[in-house]
Amino acid sequence: MRTALERRRATFLRGQRAEWIAMLFLITKGYRPLARRFSAAGGEIDLVMSRGGTIAFIEVKARGMMDDALTAISATKRRRFSRAARAWLARHPWAADRTWRADAVFIAPRRWPQHIVSAFELEIT
């Protein structure tokens, strides 16, 4: 039986792997990475990517089944994510004239990653 520490470590490693898969997947779609695992203001953004005039703040979710991944972004997570996005934008004033959006990439075993453009509304005010 695995200890709580072993379970947390396995979850962390699974998340890191999913983020790399998502980043590589988005690169093949023409996105350019700007940041990975950005943390600020009590929230975290897994990936910050750009393509053209758009900055995409990406939430990556890895689950055993795709349906579980699709429902994994709670209202609390969206609020924290938006706070972190505001902090990222404050630190990168050059991005002020770009289009911003919150995307999601869902990862499940034996499935292609699923990229949802504008998966939820960013609370940027």
Protein backbone atom coordinates (compact mmCIF):
# COMPACT_ATOMS: atom_id res chain seq x y z
CA MET A 1 0.00 0.00 0.00
CA ARG A 2 1.33 3.43 -0.96
CA THR A 3 1.80 6.15 1.60
CA ALA A 4 0.24 9.58 1.27
CA LEU A 5 3.64 11.01 0.31
CA GLU A 6 4.06 8.43 -2.46
CA ARG A 7 0.56 9.21 -3.80
CA ARG A 8 1.28 12.97 -3.79
CA ARG A 9 4.56 12.41 -5.61
CA ALA A 10 2.90 10.19 -8.22
CA THR A 11 0.17 12.80 -8.76
CA PHE A 12 2.78 15.55 -9.09
CA LEU A 13 4.78 13.56 -11.65
CA ARG A 14 1.62 12.70 -13.63
CA GLY A 15 0.77 16.42 -13.72
CA GLN A 16 4.26 17.38 -14.90
CA ARG A 17 4.10 14.77 -17.66
CA ALA A 18 0.66 16.01 -18.74
CA GLU A 19 1.96 19.59 -18.91
CA TRP A 20 4.83 18.54 -21.17
CA ILE A 21 2.46 16.60 -23.42
CA ALA A 22 0.10 19.60 -23.58
CA MET A 23 2.95 22.00 -24.35
CA LEU A 24 4.31 19.82 -27.16
CA PHE A 25 0.79 19.36 -28.53
CA LEU A 26 0.22 23.14 -28.58
CA ILE A 27 3.62 23.78 -30.18
CA THR A 28 2.57 21.52 -33.06
CA LYS A 29 -0.51 23.75 -33.42
CA GLY A 30 1.68 26.85 -33.80
CA TYR A 31 1.76 28.12 -30.21
CA ARG A 32 4.93 29.47 -28.60
CA PRO A 33 5.59 28.89 -24.88
CA LEU A 34 6.00 31.99 -22.72
CA ALA A 35 5.86 30.46 -19.22
CA ARG A 36 5.34 27.14 -17.49
CA ARG A 37 3.96 26.64 -13.99
CA PHE A 38 3.52 30.35 -13.30
CA SER A 39 2.42 30.87 -9.71
CA ALA A 40 1.28 34.13 -8.13
CA ALA A 41 -1.55 35.69 -6.13
CA GLY A 42 -2.63 32.33 -4.71
CA GLY A 43 -3.14 30.73 -8.13
CA GLU A 44 -1.20 28.81 -10.73
CA ILE A 45 -1.22 28.73 -14.52
CA ASP A 46 0.15 25.53 -16.02
CA LEU A 47 1.18 27.08 -19.36
CA VAL A 48 1.22 30.54 -20.87
CA MET A 49 1.37 30.28 -24.67
CA SER A 50 1.11 32.75 -27.53
CA ARG A 51 0.02 32.48 -31.13
CA GLY A 52 -0.36 35.53 -33.32
CA GLY A 53 -1.84 38.35 -31.23
CA THR A 54 -3.29 36.03 -28.58
CA ILE A 55 -1.99 35.08 -25.15
CA ALA A 56 -3.52 31.79 -24.01
CA PHE A 57 -3.43 30.93 -20.32
CA ILE A 58 -3.68 27.14 -20.28
CA GLU A 59 -5.06 24.86 -17.56
CA VAL A 60 -3.93 21.26 -18.04
CA LYS A 61 -5.99 18.44 -16.54
CA ALA A 62 -4.94 14.79 -16.62
CA ARG A 63 -7.46 12.18 -15.59
CA GLY A 64 -8.02 8.48 -16.11
CA MET A 65 -11.02 9.20 -18.32
CA MET A 66 -11.59 12.19 -20.63
CA ASP A 67 -15.05 12.90 -19.15
CA ASP A 68 -13.47 13.29 -15.70
CA ALA A 69 -10.92 15.74 -17.12
CA LEU A 70 -13.65 17.80 -18.78
CA THR A 71 -15.41 18.46 -15.45
CA ALA A 72 -12.28 19.04 -13.35
CA ILE A 73 -12.09 22.86 -13.43
CA SER A 74 -14.08 24.19 -10.48
CA ALA A 75 -15.27 27.75 -9.86
CA THR A 76 -12.61 28.14 -7.16
CA LYS A 77 -9.93 27.01 -9.59
CA ARG A 78 -11.17 29.51 -12.20
CA ARG A 79 -10.99 32.39 -9.67
CA ARG A 80 -7.45 31.48 -8.59
CA PHE A 81 -6.42 30.98 -12.21
CA SER A 82 -7.77 34.45 -13.10
CA ARG A 83 -5.87 36.05 -10.19
CA ALA A 84 -2.65 34.45 -11.44
CA ALA A 85 -3.40 35.64 -15.00
CA ARG A 86 -3.85 39.22 -13.72
CA ALA A 87 -0.49 38.94 -11.93
CA TRP A 88 1.21 37.60 -15.07
CA LEU A 89 -0.23 40.46 -17.14
CA ALA A 90 0.91 43.03 -14.54
CA ARG A 91 4.47 41.67 -14.82
CA HIS A 92 4.37 41.67 -18.65
CA PRO A 93 3.04 45.08 -19.76
CA TRP A 94 3.92 44.33 -23.41
CA ALA A 95 0.97 41.88 -23.41
CA ALA A 96 -1.62 44.58 -22.61
CA ASP A 97 -2.60 45.07 -26.26
CA ARG A 98 -2.99 41.36 -26.97
CA THR A 99 -6.11 39.21 -26.83
CA TRP A 100 -6.24 37.07 -23.67
CA ARG A 101 -8.13 33.88 -23.09
CA ALA A 102 -8.30 30.89 -20.75
CA ASP A 103 -7.87 27.60 -22.61
CA ALA A 104 -7.76 24.07 -21.29
CA VAL A 105 -5.97 20.94 -22.45
CA PHE A 106 -7.36 17.65 -21.22
CA ILE A 107 -5.18 14.56 -21.14
CA ALA A 108 -6.39 10.98 -20.74
CA PRO A 109 -4.63 7.66 -21.40
CA ARG A 110 -4.73 6.34 -24.95
CA ARG A 111 -6.49 9.51 -26.20
CA TRP A 112 -5.26 12.51 -28.15
CA PRO A 113 -5.06 15.64 -26.00
CA GLN A 114 -8.19 17.76 -26.25
CA HIS A 115 -7.62 21.52 -26.56
CA ILE A 116 -10.61 23.66 -25.61
CA VAL A 117 -10.23 27.28 -26.77
CA SER A 118 -11.78 29.79 -24.34
CA ALA A 119 -12.71 26.97 -21.95
CA PHE A 120 -13.84 29.49 -19.34
CA GLU A 121 -14.05 33.25 -18.84
CA LEU A 122 -11.04 35.05 -17.40
CA GLU A 123 -11.97 37.44 -14.60
CA ILE A 124 -9.66 40.29 -15.62
CA THR A 125 -10.90 43.64 -14.31
